[in-house]
């Protein structure tokens, strides 16, 4: 009986951590898109291109370091006087 309870608790923990990682990844992408759109430098084709801080944050997100990417992107957004989008 205790093995079953232990298994169920472990399964629940693993499922919750996987969902949190997925949420962090989607939030990281949202921050990267937001930062590029509103804080990027003017591009030659009339659009915007991200600066080096934004590129670093997006690269960390893409490599799976969502905590590092989120920290960089939120700091960049706040430094320009904007509020990061909600999670």
PDB file of N, CA and C in Angstrom:
ATOM      1  N   UNK A   1       0.816  -1.198   0.000  1.00  0.00           N
ATOM      2  CA  UNK A   1       0.000   0.000   0.000  1.00  0.00           C
ATOM      3  C   UNK A   1       0.859   1.262   0.000  1.00  0.00           C
ATOM      4  N   UNK A   2       1.923   1.249   0.788  1.00  0.00           N
ATOM      5  CA  UNK A   2       2.785   2.429   0.842  1.00  0.00           C
ATOM      6  C   UNK A   2       3.521   2.635  -0.479  1.00  0.00           C
ATOM      7  N   UNK A   3       3.820   1.550  -1.185  1.00  0.00           N
ATOM      8  CA  UNK A   3       4.452   1.684  -2.501  1.00  0.00           C
ATOM      9  C   UNK A   3       3.508   2.356  -3.486  1.00  0.00           C
ATOM     10  N   UNK A   4       2.258   2.009  -3.424  1.00  0.00           N
ATOM     11  CA  UNK A   4       1.262   2.607  -4.309  1.00  0.00           C
ATOM     12  C   UNK A   4       1.130   4.099  -4.026  1.00  0.00           C
ATOM     13  N   UNK A   5       1.073   4.459  -2.781  1.00  0.00           N
ATOM     14  CA  UNK A   5       0.959   5.877  -2.412  1.00  0.00           C
ATOM     15  C   UNK A   5       2.205   6.631  -2.846  1.00  0.00           C
ATOM     16  N   UNK A   6       3.374   6.045  -2.633  1.00  0.00           N
ATOM     17  CA  UNK A   6       4.631   6.675  -3.054  1.00  0.00           C
ATOM     18  C   UNK A   6       4.652   6.863  -4.568  1.00  0.00           C
ATOM     19  N   UNK A   7       4.225   5.844  -5.295  1.00  0.00           N
ATOM     20  CA  UNK A   7       4.182   5.926  -6.753  1.00  0.00           C
ATOM     21  C   UNK A   7       3.239   7.028  -7.211  1.00  0.00           C
ATOM     22  N   UNK A   8       2.079   7.113  -6.612  1.00  0.00           N
ATOM     23  CA  UNK A   8       1.103   8.138  -6.987  1.00  0.00           C
ATOM     24  C   UNK A   8       1.629   9.547  -6.694  1.00  0.00           C
ATOM     25  N   UNK A   9       2.271   9.720  -5.558  1.00  0.00           N
ATOM     26  CA  UNK A   9       2.837  11.025  -5.219  1.00  0.00           C
ATOM     27  C   UNK A   9       3.950  11.408  -6.186  1.00  0.00           C
ATOM     28  N   UNK A  10       4.806  10.474  -6.511  1.00  0.00           N
ATOM     29  CA  UNK A  10       5.889  10.731  -7.449  1.00  0.00           C
ATOM     30  C   UNK A  10       5.341  11.054  -8.838  1.00  0.00           C
ATOM     31  N   UNK A  11       4.347  10.323  -9.280  1.00  0.00           N
ATOM     32  CA  UNK A  11       3.731  10.573 -10.584  1.00  0.00           C
ATOM     33  C   UNK A  11       3.118  11.969 -10.645  1.00  0.00           C
ATOM     34  N   UNK A  12       2.455  12.357  -9.584  1.00  0.00           N
ATOM     35  CA  UNK A  12       1.843  13.687  -9.531  1.00  0.00           C
ATOM     36  C   UNK A  12       2.908  14.767  -9.581  1.00  0.00           C
ATOM     37  N   UNK A  13       3.997  14.578  -8.844  1.00  0.00           N
ATOM     38  CA  UNK A  13       5.086  15.560  -8.836  1.00  0.00           C
ATOM     39  C   UNK A  13       5.702  15.706 -10.224  1.00  0.00           C
ATOM     40  N   UNK A  14       5.964  14.600 -10.899  1.00  0.00           N
ATOM     41  CA  UNK A  14       6.564  14.636 -12.233  1.00  0.00           C
ATOM     42  C   UNK A  14       5.624  15.324 -13.220  1.00  0.00           C
ATOM     43  N   UNK A  15       4.352  15.043 -13.148  1.00  0.00           N
ATOM     44  CA  UNK A  15       3.387  15.665 -14.058  1.00  0.00           C
ATOM     45  C   UNK A  15       3.300  17.169 -13.818  1.00  0.00           C
ATOM     46  N   UNK A  16       3.322  17.573 -12.568  1.00  0.00           N
ATOM     47  CA  UNK A  16       3.252  19.010 -12.248  1.00  0.00           C
ATOM     48  C   UNK A  16       4.498  19.735 -12.712  1.00  0.00           C
ATOM     49  N   UNK A  17       5.668  19.143 -12.547  1.00  0.00           N
ATOM     50  CA  UNK A  17       6.898  19.807 -12.968  1.00  0.00           C
ATOM     51  C   UNK A  17       6.970  19.894 -14.493  1.00  0.00           C
ATOM     52  N   UNK A  18       6.463  18.900 -15.202  1.00  0.00           N
ATOM     53  CA  UNK A  18       6.442  18.951 -16.663  1.00  0.00           C
ATOM     54  C   UNK A  18       5.506  20.050 -17.148  1.00  0.00           C
ATOM     55  N   UNK A  19       4.380  20.210 -16.494  1.00  0.00           N
ATOM     56  CA  UNK A  19       3.443  21.271 -16.870  1.00  0.00           C
ATOM     57  C   UNK A  19       4.045  22.640 -16.592  1.00  0.00           C
ATOM     58  N   UNK A  20       4.769  22.781 -15.504  1.00  0.00           N
ATOM     59  CA  UNK A  20       5.410  24.060 -15.178  1.00  0.00           C
ATOM     60  C   UNK A  20       6.471  24.402 -16.203  1.00  0.00           C
ATOM     61  N   UNK A  21       7.234  23.414 -16.655  1.00  0.00           N
ATOM     62  CA  UNK A  21       8.252  23.669 -17.671  1.00  0.00           C
ATOM     63  C   UNK A  21       7.612  24.103 -18.980  1.00  0.00           C
ATOM     64  N   UNK A  22       6.503  23.499 -19.326  1.00  0.00           N
ATOM     65  CA  UNK A  22       5.795  23.873 -20.541  1.00  0.00           C
ATOM     66  C   UNK A  22       5.280  25.302 -20.444  1.00  0.00           C
ATOM     67  N   UNK A  23       4.739  25.665 -19.271  1.00  0.00           N
ATOM     68  CA  UNK A  23       4.261  27.027 -19.062  1.00  0.00           C
ATOM     69  C   UNK A  23       5.405  28.022 -19.150  1.00  0.00           C
ATOM     70  N   UNK A  24       6.559  27.680 -18.565  1.00  0.00           N
ATOM     71  CA  UNK A  24       7.717  28.566 -18.625  1.00  0.00           C
ATOM     72  C   UNK A  24       8.190  28.744 -20.057  1.00  0.00           C
ATOM     73  N   UNK A  25       8.185  27.674 -20.831  1.00  0.00           N
ATOM     74  CA  UNK A  25       8.627  27.764 -22.225  1.00  0.00           C
ATOM     75  C   UNK A  25       7.694  28.651 -23.040  1.00  0.00           C
ATOM     76  N   UNK A  26       6.400  28.520 -22.842  1.00  0.00           N
ATOM     77  CA  UNK A  26       5.470  29.361 -23.608  1.00  0.00           C
ATOM     78  C   UNK A  26       5.556  30.814 -23.151  1.00  0.00           C
ATOM     79  N   UNK A  27       5.765  31.040 -21.846  1.00  0.00           N
ATOM     80  CA  UNK A  27       5.923  32.412 -21.351  1.00  0.00           C
ATOM     81  C   UNK A  27       7.218  33.020 -21.874  1.00  0.00           C
ATOM     82  N   UNK A  28       8.255  32.228 -21.944  1.00  0.00           N
ATOM     83  CA  UNK A  28       9.535  32.701 -22.459  1.00  0.00           C
ATOM     84  C   UNK A  28       9.383  33.129 -23.921  1.00  0.00           C
ATOM     85  N   UNK A  29       8.665  32.334 -24.693  1.00  0.00           N
ATOM     86  CA  UNK A  29       8.421  32.695 -26.096  1.00  0.00           C
ATOM     87  C   UNK A  29       7.598  33.972 -26.189  1.00  0.00           C
ATOM     88  N   UNK A  30       6.597  34.089 -25.326  1.00  0.00           N
ATOM     89  CA  UNK A  30       5.755  35.286 -25.312  1.00  0.00           C
ATOM     90  C   UNK A  30       6.595  36.530 -25.004  1.00  0.00           C
ATOM     91  N   UNK A  31       7.500  36.418 -24.032  1.00  0.00           N
ATOM     92  CA  UNK A  31       8.372  37.537 -23.694  1.00  0.00           C
ATOM     93  C   UNK A  31       9.296  37.900 -24.852  1.00  0.00           C
ATOM     94  N   UNK A  32       9.847  36.889 -25.511  1.00  0.00           N
ATOM     95  CA  UNK A  32      10.723  37.141 -26.657  1.00  0.00           C
ATOM     96  C   UNK A  32       9.989  37.854 -27.781  1.00  0.00           C
ATOM     97  N   UNK A  33       8.783  37.419 -28.088  1.00  0.00           N
ATOM     98  CA  UNK A  33       7.980  38.072 -29.127  1.00  0.00           C
ATOM     99  C   UNK A  33       7.641  39.507 -28.744  1.00  0.00           C
ATOM    100  N   UNK A  34       7.273  39.702 -27.485  1.00  0.00           N
ATOM    101  CA  UNK A  34       6.910  41.027 -26.968  1.00  0.00           C
ATOM    102  C   UNK A  34       8.106  41.973 -27.042  1.00  0.00           C
ATOM    103  N   UNK A  35       9.260  41.488 -26.560  1.00  0.00           N
ATOM    104  CA  UNK A  35      10.459  42.316 -26.551  1.00  0.00           C
ATOM    105  C   UNK A  35      10.889  42.673 -27.970  1.00  0.00           C
ATOM    106  N   UNK A  36      10.833  41.729 -28.871  1.00  0.00           N
ATOM    107  CA  UNK A  36      11.223  41.998 -30.256  1.00  0.00           C
ATOM    108  C   UNK A  36      10.280  43.007 -30.898  1.00  0.00           C
ATOM    109  N   UNK A  37       9.010  42.858 -30.634  1.00  0.00           N
ATOM    110  CA  UNK A  37       8.025  43.742 -31.258  1.00  0.00           C
ATOM    111  C   UNK A  37       8.108  45.175 -30.743  1.00  0.00           C
ATOM    112  N   UNK A  38       8.230  45.339 -29.431  1.00  0.00           N
ATOM    113  CA  UNK A  38       8.152  46.676 -28.856  1.00  0.00           C
ATOM    114  C   UNK A  38       9.505  47.309 -28.534  1.00  0.00           C
ATOM    115  N   UNK A  39      10.553  46.502 -28.415  1.00  0.00           N
ATOM    116  CA  UNK A  39      11.846  47.050 -28.021  1.00  0.00           C
ATOM    117  C   UNK A  39      12.921  46.870 -29.079  1.00  0.00           C
ATOM    118  N   UNK A  40      12.601  46.208 -30.154  1.00  0.00           N
ATOM    119  CA  UNK A  40      13.598  45.944 -31.183  1.00  0.00           C
ATOM    120  C   UNK A  40      14.016  47.213 -31.910  1.00  0.00           C
ATOM    121  N   UNK A  41      15.173  47.138 -32.534  1.00  0.00           N
ATOM    122  CA  UNK A  41      15.675  48.247 -33.342  1.00  0.00           C
ATOM    123  C   UNK A  41      14.983  48.231 -34.700  1.00  0.00           C
ATOM    124  N   UNK A  42      14.926  49.397 -35.321  1.00  0.00           N
ATOM    125  CA  UNK A  42      14.292  49.494 -36.640  1.00  0.00           C
ATOM    126  C   UNK A  42      15.107  48.690 -37.650  1.00  0.00           C
ATOM    127  N   UNK A  43      14.421  47.858 -38.384  1.00  0.00           N
ATOM    128  CA  UNK A  43      15.068  47.052 -39.409  1.00  0.00           C
ATOM    129  C   UNK A  43      14.986  47.741 -40.765  1.00  0.00           C
ATOM    130  N   UNK A  44      15.726  47.241 -41.720  1.00  0.00           N
ATOM    131  CA  UNK A  44      15.766  47.840 -43.044  1.00  0.00           C
ATOM    132  C   UNK A  44      14.489  47.638 -43.846  1.00  0.00           C
ATOM    133  N   UNK A  45      13.683  46.662 -43.495  1.00  0.00           N
ATOM    134  CA  UNK A  45      12.473  46.380 -44.259  1.00  0.00           C
ATOM    135  C   UNK A  45      11.219  46.948 -43.595  1.00  0.00           C
ATOM    136  N   UNK A  46      11.386  47.857 -42.651  1.00  0.00           N
ATOM    137  CA  UNK A  46      10.241  48.468 -41.981  1.00  0.00           C
ATOM    138  C   UNK A  46       9.801  47.728 -40.739  1.00  0.00           C
ATOM    139  N   UNK A  47      10.388  46.573 -40.457  1.00  0.00           N
ATOM    140  CA  UNK A  47      10.061  45.815 -39.256  1.00  0.00           C
ATOM    141  C   UNK A  47      11.036  46.134 -38.141  1.00  0.00           C
ATOM    142  N   UNK A  48      11.061  45.289 -37.154  1.00  0.00           N
ATOM    143  CA  UNK A  48      12.015  45.463 -36.064  1.00  0.00           C
ATOM    144  C   UNK A  48      12.900  44.235 -35.954  1.00  0.00           C
ATOM    145  N   UNK A  49      14.084  44.452 -35.425  1.00  0.00           N
ATOM    146  CA  UNK A  49      14.988  43.333 -35.181  1.00  0.00           C
ATOM    147  C   UNK A  49      15.433  43.417 -33.723  1.00  0.00           C
ATOM    148  N   UNK A  50      15.632  42.286 -33.082  1.00  0.00           N
ATOM    149  CA  UNK A  50      15.989  42.290 -31.665  1.00  0.00           C
ATOM    150  C   UNK A  50      17.432  42.740 -31.444  1.00  0.00           C
ATOM    151  N   UNK A  51      17.689  43.359 -30.278  1.00  0.00           N
ATOM    152  CA  UNK A  51      19.062  43.705 -29.935  1.00  0.00           C
ATOM    153  C   UNK A  51      19.731  42.484 -29.299  1.00  0.00           C
ATOM    154  N   UNK A  52      20.986  42.649 -28.872  1.00  0.00           N
ATOM    155  CA  UNK A  52      21.755  41.500 -28.383  1.00  0.00           C
ATOM    156  C   UNK A  52      21.194  40.922 -27.082  1.00  0.00           C
ATOM    157  N   UNK A  53      20.662  41.761 -26.195  1.00  0.00           N
ATOM    158  CA  UNK A  53      20.070  41.242 -24.949  1.00  0.00           C
ATOM    159  C   UNK A  53      18.857  40.375 -25.252  1.00  0.00           C
ATOM    160  N   UNK A  54      18.021  40.842 -26.155  1.00  0.00           N
ATOM    161  CA  UNK A  54      16.832  40.069 -26.526  1.00  0.00           C
ATOM    162  C   UNK A  54      17.249  38.755 -27.188  1.00  0.00           C
ATOM    163  N   UNK A  55      18.234  38.815 -28.067  1.00  0.00           N
ATOM    164  CA  UNK A  55      18.718  37.596 -28.722  1.00  0.00           C
ATOM    165  C   UNK A  55      19.264  36.597 -27.708  1.00  0.00           C
ATOM    166  N   UNK A  56      19.982  37.095 -26.699  1.00  0.00           N
ATOM    167  CA  UNK A  56      20.509  36.201 -25.667  1.00  0.00           C
ATOM    168  C   UNK A  56      19.381  35.549 -24.875  1.00  0.00           C
ATOM    169  N   UNK A  57      18.375  36.336 -24.507  1.00  0.00           N
ATOM    170  CA  UNK A  57      17.239  35.788 -23.768  1.00  0.00           C
ATOM    171  C   UNK A  57      16.490  34.739 -24.568  1.00  0.00           C
ATOM    172  N   UNK A  58      16.249  35.019 -25.836  1.00  0.00           N
ATOM    173  CA  UNK A  58      15.547  34.069 -26.702  1.00  0.00           C
ATOM    174  C   UNK A  58      16.385  32.803 -26.894  1.00  0.00           C
ATOM    175  N   UNK A  59      17.695  32.964 -27.039  1.00  0.00           N
ATOM    176  CA  UNK A  59      18.572  31.796 -27.211  1.00  0.00           C
ATOM    177  C   UNK A  59      18.529  30.904 -25.969  1.00  0.00           C
ATOM    178  N   UNK A  60      18.544  31.512 -24.790  1.00  0.00           N
ATOM    179  CA  UNK A  60      18.455  30.718 -23.561  1.00  0.00           C
ATOM    180  C   UNK A  60      17.124  29.976 -23.491  1.00  0.00           C
ATOM    181  N   UNK A  61      16.053  30.645 -23.881  1.00  0.00           N
ATOM    182  CA  UNK A  61      14.745  29.979 -23.900  1.00  0.00           C
ATOM    183  C   UNK A  61      14.758  28.778 -24.842  1.00  0.00           C
ATOM    184  N   UNK A  62      15.332  28.961 -26.019  1.00  0.00           N
ATOM    185  CA  UNK A  62      15.366  27.894 -27.013  1.00  0.00           C
ATOM    186  C   UNK A  62      16.231  26.717 -26.576  1.00  0.00           C
ATOM    187  N   UNK A  63      17.245  26.985 -25.745  1.00  0.00           N
ATOM    188  CA  UNK A  63      18.123  25.915 -25.260  1.00  0.00           C
ATOM    189  C   UNK A  63      17.561  25.217 -24.027  1.00  0.00           C
ATOM    190  N   UNK A  64      16.412  25.703 -23.522  1.00  0.00           N
ATOM    191  CA  UNK A  64      15.797  25.070 -22.365  1.00  0.00           C
ATOM    192  C   UNK A  64      16.087  25.762 -21.048  1.00  0.00           C
ATOM    193  N   UNK A  65      16.909  26.813 -21.066  1.00  0.00           N
ATOM    194  CA  UNK A  65      17.193  27.579 -19.851  1.00  0.00           C
ATOM    195  C   UNK A  65      16.143  28.675 -19.722  1.00  0.00           C
ATOM    196  N   UNK A  66      14.904  28.258 -19.431  1.00  0.00           N
ATOM    197  CA  UNK A  66      13.810  29.227 -19.397  1.00  0.00           C
ATOM    198  C   UNK A  66      13.960  30.216 -18.250  1.00  0.00           C
ATOM    199  N   UNK A  67      14.493  29.787 -17.126  1.00  0.00           N
ATOM    200  CA  UNK A  67      14.672  30.710 -15.994  1.00  0.00           C
ATOM    201  C   UNK A  67      15.628  31.837 -16.371  1.00  0.00           C
ATOM    202  N   UNK A  68      16.730  31.487 -17.019  1.00  0.00           N
ATOM    203  CA  UNK A  68      17.695  32.500 -17.450  1.00  0.00           C
ATOM    204  C   UNK A  68      17.129  33.399 -18.526  1.00  0.00           C
ATOM    205  N   UNK A  69      16.423  32.821 -19.486  1.00  0.00           N
ATOM    206  CA  UNK A  69      15.833  33.607 -20.567  1.00  0.00           C
ATOM    207  C   UNK A  69      14.759  34.555 -20.066  1.00  0.00           C
ATOM    208  N   UNK A  70      13.907  34.066 -19.180  1.00  0.00           N
ATOM    209  CA  UNK A  70      12.841  34.903 -18.624  1.00  0.00           C
ATOM    210  C   UNK A  70      13.442  36.065 -17.848  1.00  0.00           C
ATOM    211  N   UNK A  71      14.476  35.797 -17.060  1.00  0.00           N
ATOM    212  CA  UNK A  71      15.108  36.861 -16.268  1.00  0.00           C
ATOM    213  C   UNK A  71      15.680  37.958 -17.169  1.00  0.00           C
ATOM    214  N   UNK A  72      16.374  37.574 -18.223  1.00  0.00           N
ATOM    215  CA  UNK A  72      16.960  38.552 -19.138  1.00  0.00           C
ATOM    216  C   UNK A  72      15.876  39.367 -19.838  1.00  0.00           C
ATOM    217  N   UNK A  73      14.861  38.677 -20.347  1.00  0.00           N
ATOM    218  CA  UNK A  73      13.818  39.366 -21.117  1.00  0.00           C
ATOM    219  C   UNK A  73      12.967  40.276 -20.235  1.00  0.00           C
ATOM    220  N   UNK A  74      12.611  39.813 -19.032  1.00  0.00           N
ATOM    221  CA  UNK A  74      11.830  40.669 -18.133  1.00  0.00           C
ATOM    222  C   UNK A  74      12.635  41.899 -17.726  1.00  0.00           C
ATOM    223  N   UNK A  75      13.916  41.724 -17.458  1.00  0.00           N
ATOM    224  CA  UNK A  75      14.773  42.857 -17.086  1.00  0.00           C
ATOM    225  C   UNK A  75      14.855  43.865 -18.236  1.00  0.00           C
ATOM    226  N   UNK A  76      15.012  43.381 -19.445  1.00  0.00           N
ATOM    227  CA  UNK A  76      15.104  44.249 -20.619  1.00  0.00           C
ATOM    228  C   UNK A  76      13.803  45.022 -20.817  1.00  0.00           C
ATOM    229  N   UNK A  77      12.679  44.331 -20.690  1.00  0.00           N
ATOM    230  CA  UNK A  77      11.370  44.976 -20.872  1.00  0.00           C
ATOM    231  C   UNK A  77      11.159  46.047 -19.808  1.00  0.00           C
ATOM    232  N   UNK A  78      11.476  45.734 -18.564  1.00  0.00           N
ATOM    233  CA  UNK A  78      11.296  46.712 -17.482  1.00  0.00           C
ATOM    234  C   UNK A  78      12.252  47.894 -17.616  1.00  0.00           C
ATOM    235  N   UNK A  79      13.471  47.647 -18.106  1.00  0.00           N
ATOM    236  CA  UNK A  79      14.445  48.729 -18.232  1.00  0.00           C
ATOM    237  C   UNK A  79      14.009  49.782 -19.255  1.00  0.00           C
ATOM    238  N   UNK A  80      13.162  49.384 -20.161  1.00  0.00           N
ATOM    239  CA  UNK A  80      12.647  50.322 -21.171  1.00  0.00           C
ATOM    240  C   UNK A  80      11.325  50.956 -20.762  1.00  0.00           C
ATOM    241  N   UNK A  81      10.880  50.682 -19.521  1.00  0.00           N
ATOM    242  CA  UNK A  81       9.666  51.313 -18.993  1.00  0.00           C
ATOM    243  C   UNK A  81       8.370  50.582 -19.334  1.00  0.00           C
ATOM    244  N   UNK A  82       8.475  49.368 -19.832  1.00  0.00           N
ATOM    245  CA  UNK A  82       7.295  48.581 -20.156  1.00  0.00           C
ATOM    246  C   UNK A  82       7.022  47.572 -19.046  1.00  0.00           C
ATOM    247  N   UNK A  83       5.810  47.081 -18.986  1.00  0.00           N
ATOM    248  CA  UNK A  83       5.440  46.014 -18.061  1.00  0.00           C
ATOM    249  C   UNK A  83       5.400  44.712 -18.843  1.00  0.00           C
ATOM    250  N   UNK A  84       6.067  43.669 -18.355  1.00  0.00           N
ATOM    251  CA  UNK A  84       6.016  42.386 -19.073  1.00  0.00           C
ATOM    252  C   UNK A  84       4.581  41.874 -19.174  1.00  0.00           C
ATOM    253  N   UNK A  85       4.279  41.127 -20.226  1.00  0.00           N
ATOM    254  CA  UNK A  85       2.929  40.582 -20.365  1.00  0.00           C
ATOM    255  C   UNK A  85       2.643  39.576 -19.248  1.00  0.00           C
ATOM    256  N   UNK A  86       1.371  39.364 -18.938  1.00  0.00           N
ATOM    257  CA  UNK A  86       1.044  38.398 -17.885  1.00  0.00           C
ATOM    258  C   UNK A  86       1.381  36.972 -18.309  1.00  0.00           C
ATOM    259  N   UNK A  87       1.591  36.122 -17.321  1.00  0.00           N
ATOM    260  CA  UNK A  87       1.910  34.716 -17.623  1.00  0.00           C
ATOM    261  C   UNK A  87       0.722  34.033 -18.179  1.00  0.00           C
TER     262      UNK A  87
END
